[in-house]
Structures are given as C-alpha cells and as structure tokens.
Amino acid sequence: MLTNQEVAEALLEKFGDQVFDFEEPYGLLTLSTTREEILSILGFLRDHKTYQVIFMTDLCGIHYPDNQGKEFQVVYHLHSFIHNFRLRIKVSLAESDLHIPTATGLFACANWMERETYDFYGILFDGHPNLVRILNIEEMDYFPMRKEYPMEDATREDKTDALFGR
C-alpha cells in the first residue's frame, strides 16, 4: 500500500527544497512547490512506475488578498487509481506575476480546468492551447472570484438588516 510518508520522501529525494510545507489534513498528503518545478513534479508522479498518479481530479485557483507576494494559489488534486492514493500540490503566485506553465501536455483534462481558473481568477497558464473564458462572456473586464469586491451592495435599500441577523 502506498503511504504519504513514502511519496513525501521520494519527492524530497528527487526535488529537495523545491518541495516544502508538507501537511496531511484529513490524511491527504499536501505539499507546496514553485511554478518552475510544478511540471517536473506532475510528470514524475504520473510516470513513476510504482506510483502511477495518472489522474488529475481537479485544478483550481484561490485568492488570498492579504497574503503579500503570494496572493494567488493554483491547487492540483491528483489520484493514483492503482493505489487509491490522492495528493494535493499547491503553487503560490504573486498578484504582479500571475503566470504558471500549463499542465495540458501531461493531463488533457487540465485544459478546461485551467480555462476556468483563468476565467474566474485571471491566472495565466503559459502554453495553454486555447486560454479563453469558458463560462463568462469574453467582454468581461474583471475576474469574479477575486476578493476585490464587497459581498453585498451597500446601497441597497430593499433589505432589512434584522432579517439577516444584523
């Protein structure tokens, strides 16, 4: 049976200090890396003769506006069907440089996930074959999942605060 410890040690042996912040929330191996190493790590896990992490379950973006220099994250969820083993890899990006290489060459399913992440967060996947909006209209000049806007319209007068627990 494949263990978090075994995979973490193999990643540390192969990539050294380019993999860091190891955690195991709810038993899920979670680690961070850099955009320069993400494709190498994904390829290593996918092509490893034992691990066979051949399925990308999800790829998404997250916005942490108060995390100076690491305002955005791209998160990869991967799965080995052979071992029923899952792991999560995070890559932090600065708001001033929202570029990361596309994973479409390794996982075809990354295509739409990267488009959705671009569409909602504005993260640019370098080398993507068709990085255009997938759910929102092309004319949209903002990225709706960024935490840059108030959650409520303060000018609305049709709401009674008492009904909303305020």
Protein backbone atom coordinates (compact mmCIF):
# COMPACT_ATOMS: atom_id res chain seq x y z
CA MET A 1 0.00 0.00 0.00
CA LEU A 2 1.26 3.46 -0.93
CA THR A 3 1.76 5.80 2.05
CA ASN A 4 2.01 9.56 2.41
CA GLN A 5 5.42 9.09 4.00
CA GLU A 6 6.77 7.06 1.07
CA VAL A 7 5.63 9.57 -1.56
CA ALA A 8 6.81 12.57 0.50
CA GLU A 9 10.26 11.02 0.93
CA ALA A 10 10.52 10.24 -2.79
CA LEU A 11 9.57 13.82 -3.67
CA LEU A 12 12.09 15.23 -1.18
CA GLU A 13 14.80 12.94 -2.52
CA LYS A 14 14.12 13.93 -6.13
CA PHE A 15 13.29 17.64 -5.73
CA GLY A 16 14.93 18.66 -2.44
CA ASP A 17 13.96 22.09 -1.19
CA GLN A 18 11.75 22.68 -4.24
CA VAL A 19 9.00 20.79 -2.36
CA PHE A 20 8.01 22.16 1.04
CA ASP A 21 5.16 22.82 3.52
CA PHE A 22 4.20 19.16 3.80
CA GLU A 23 0.92 18.53 5.64
CA GLU A 24 -1.63 15.75 5.99
CA PRO A 25 -5.03 17.35 6.64
CA TYR A 26 -7.59 14.56 6.94
CA GLY A 27 -4.92 12.12 5.76
CA LEU A 28 -4.44 13.88 2.39
CA LEU A 29 -0.77 14.40 1.50
CA THR A 30 -0.45 18.12 0.76
CA LEU A 31 2.68 19.98 -0.30
CA SER A 32 3.79 23.16 -2.00
CA THR A 33 6.23 23.81 -4.82
CA THR A 34 7.18 26.54 -7.27
CA ARG A 35 5.85 27.24 -10.74
CA GLU A 36 9.29 26.38 -12.10
CA GLU A 37 9.03 22.83 -10.71
CA ILE A 38 5.33 22.01 -10.98
CA LEU A 39 5.52 20.29 -14.38
CA SER A 40 8.54 18.22 -13.33
CA ILE A 41 6.73 17.07 -10.19
CA LEU A 42 3.50 16.27 -12.04
CA GLY A 43 5.46 14.34 -14.67
CA PHE A 44 7.46 12.47 -12.03
CA LEU A 45 4.29 11.34 -10.22
CA ARG A 46 2.48 10.42 -13.44
CA ASP A 47 5.37 8.47 -14.99
CA HIS A 48 6.65 6.78 -11.82
CA LYS A 49 6.42 3.02 -12.43
CA THR A 50 5.10 2.36 -8.92
CA TYR A 51 3.02 5.44 -8.04
CA GLN A 52 1.16 5.86 -11.36
CA VAL A 53 -0.59 9.08 -10.35
CA ILE A 54 -2.31 9.24 -13.73
CA PHE A 55 -5.47 11.22 -12.99
CA MET A 56 -5.88 14.92 -12.26
CA THR A 57 -9.06 15.14 -10.22
CA ASP A 58 -9.10 18.92 -10.04
CA LEU A 59 -7.15 22.09 -10.68
CA CYS A 60 -8.39 25.34 -9.21
CA GLY A 61 -7.39 28.81 -8.11
CA ILE A 62 -7.61 30.55 -4.75
CA HIS A 63 -7.26 34.22 -3.89
CA TYR A 64 -5.68 35.32 -0.60
CA PRO A 65 -5.59 39.11 -0.97
CA ASP A 66 -3.88 39.68 2.39
CA ASN A 67 -1.03 37.23 1.74
CA GLN A 68 1.60 39.69 0.47
CA GLY A 69 3.58 38.31 -2.51
CA LYS A 70 1.54 35.09 -2.55
CA GLU A 71 -1.93 36.44 -3.24
CA PHE A 72 -2.95 33.58 -5.54
CA GLN A 73 -2.59 29.82 -5.48
CA VAL A 74 -3.09 27.14 -8.09
CA VAL A 75 -4.03 23.85 -6.46
CA TYR A 76 -3.69 20.45 -8.13
CA HIS A 77 -5.55 17.38 -6.85
CA LEU A 78 -4.11 14.11 -8.17
CA HIS A 79 -5.12 10.46 -7.89
CA SER A 80 -3.48 7.08 -8.43
CA PHE A 81 -6.22 4.60 -9.30
CA ILE A 82 -3.81 1.70 -8.85
CA HIS A 83 -3.18 2.53 -5.18
CA ASN A 84 -6.31 4.61 -4.46
CA PHE A 85 -3.88 7.32 -3.37
CA ARG A 86 -4.61 11.03 -3.52
CA LEU A 87 -2.46 14.11 -3.04
CA ARG A 88 -2.68 17.87 -3.34
CA ILE A 89 0.03 20.21 -4.64
CA LYS A 90 -0.10 24.00 -4.18
CA VAL A 91 1.77 26.68 -6.10
CA SER A 92 1.65 30.27 -4.81
CA LEU A 93 1.83 33.23 -7.19
CA ALA A 94 2.24 36.97 -6.69
CA GLU A 95 -0.56 39.17 -7.98
CA SER A 96 2.04 41.09 -10.00
CA ASP A 97 3.11 37.92 -11.88
CA LEU A 98 0.20 35.53 -12.44
CA HIS A 99 1.95 33.12 -14.82
CA ILE A 100 2.29 29.35 -14.47
CA PRO A 101 3.02 26.72 -17.14
CA THR A 102 0.09 24.74 -18.49
CA ALA A 103 -0.31 21.12 -17.46
CA THR A 104 -2.25 20.21 -20.62
CA GLY A 105 0.78 18.37 -22.03
CA LEU A 106 0.68 15.98 -19.07
CA PHE A 107 -3.05 15.81 -18.35
CA ALA A 108 -5.51 16.58 -21.15
CA CYS A 109 -8.24 17.25 -18.57
CA ALA A 110 -6.27 20.28 -17.34
CA ASN A 111 -7.46 22.14 -20.44
CA TRP A 112 -10.91 23.14 -19.19
CA MET A 113 -9.82 23.41 -15.56
CA GLU A 114 -7.11 25.91 -16.49
CA ARG A 115 -9.56 27.85 -18.62
CA GLU A 116 -11.99 28.04 -15.71
CA THR A 117 -9.21 29.14 -13.34
CA TYR A 118 -8.20 31.84 -15.81
CA ASP A 119 -11.83 32.86 -16.31
CA PHE A 120 -12.53 33.37 -12.61
CA TYR A 121 -9.13 34.43 -11.20
CA GLY A 122 -7.11 35.77 -14.15
CA ILE A 123 -4.25 33.30 -13.67
CA LEU A 124 -2.39 32.86 -16.97
CA PHE A 125 -1.35 29.34 -17.99
CA ASP A 126 1.62 29.79 -20.31
CA GLY A 127 1.49 27.49 -23.33
CA HIS A 128 -2.21 26.68 -22.98
CA PRO A 129 -3.68 25.83 -26.41
CA ASN A 130 -6.81 28.00 -26.03
CA LEU A 131 -6.77 30.16 -22.91
CA VAL A 132 -10.07 31.99 -23.30
CA ARG A 133 -13.01 32.38 -20.96
CA ILE A 134 -15.08 29.25 -20.61
CA LEU A 135 -18.11 30.28 -18.51
CA ASN A 136 -18.18 34.08 -18.54
CA ILE A 137 -18.55 36.34 -21.55
CA GLU A 138 -15.37 37.41 -23.35
CA GLU A 139 -16.22 41.11 -22.86
CA MET A 140 -15.95 40.78 -19.08
CA ASP A 141 -13.11 43.02 -17.89
CA TYR A 142 -12.76 41.55 -14.39
CA PHE A 143 -12.37 38.17 -12.71
CA PRO A 144 -15.39 37.46 -10.49
CA MET A 145 -13.84 35.09 -7.91
CA ARG A 146 -11.19 37.57 -6.82
CA LYS A 147 -11.90 39.00 -3.41
CA GLU A 148 -11.81 42.58 -4.67
CA TYR A 149 -15.47 43.48 -4.35
CA PRO A 150 -17.82 43.76 -1.38
CA MET A 151 -20.00 40.70 -0.85
CA GLU A 152 -23.10 42.89 -0.64
CA ASP A 153 -24.28 46.05 -2.32
CA ALA A 154 -24.21 48.63 0.48
CA THR A 155 -26.54 50.94 -1.47
CA ARG A 156 -29.49 48.53 -1.47
CA GLU A 157 -32.49 49.83 0.46
CA ASP A 158 -34.78 46.82 0.00
CA LYS A 159 -33.12 44.77 2.74
CA THR A 160 -33.95 44.79 6.40
CA ASP A 161 -30.83 44.15 8.48
CA ALA A 162 -32.87 42.36 11.14
CA LEU A 163 -33.73 39.64 8.61
CA PHE A 164 -30.06 38.95 8.04
CA GLY A 165 -29.03 38.66 11.69
CA ARG A 166 -27.59 42.17 11.95
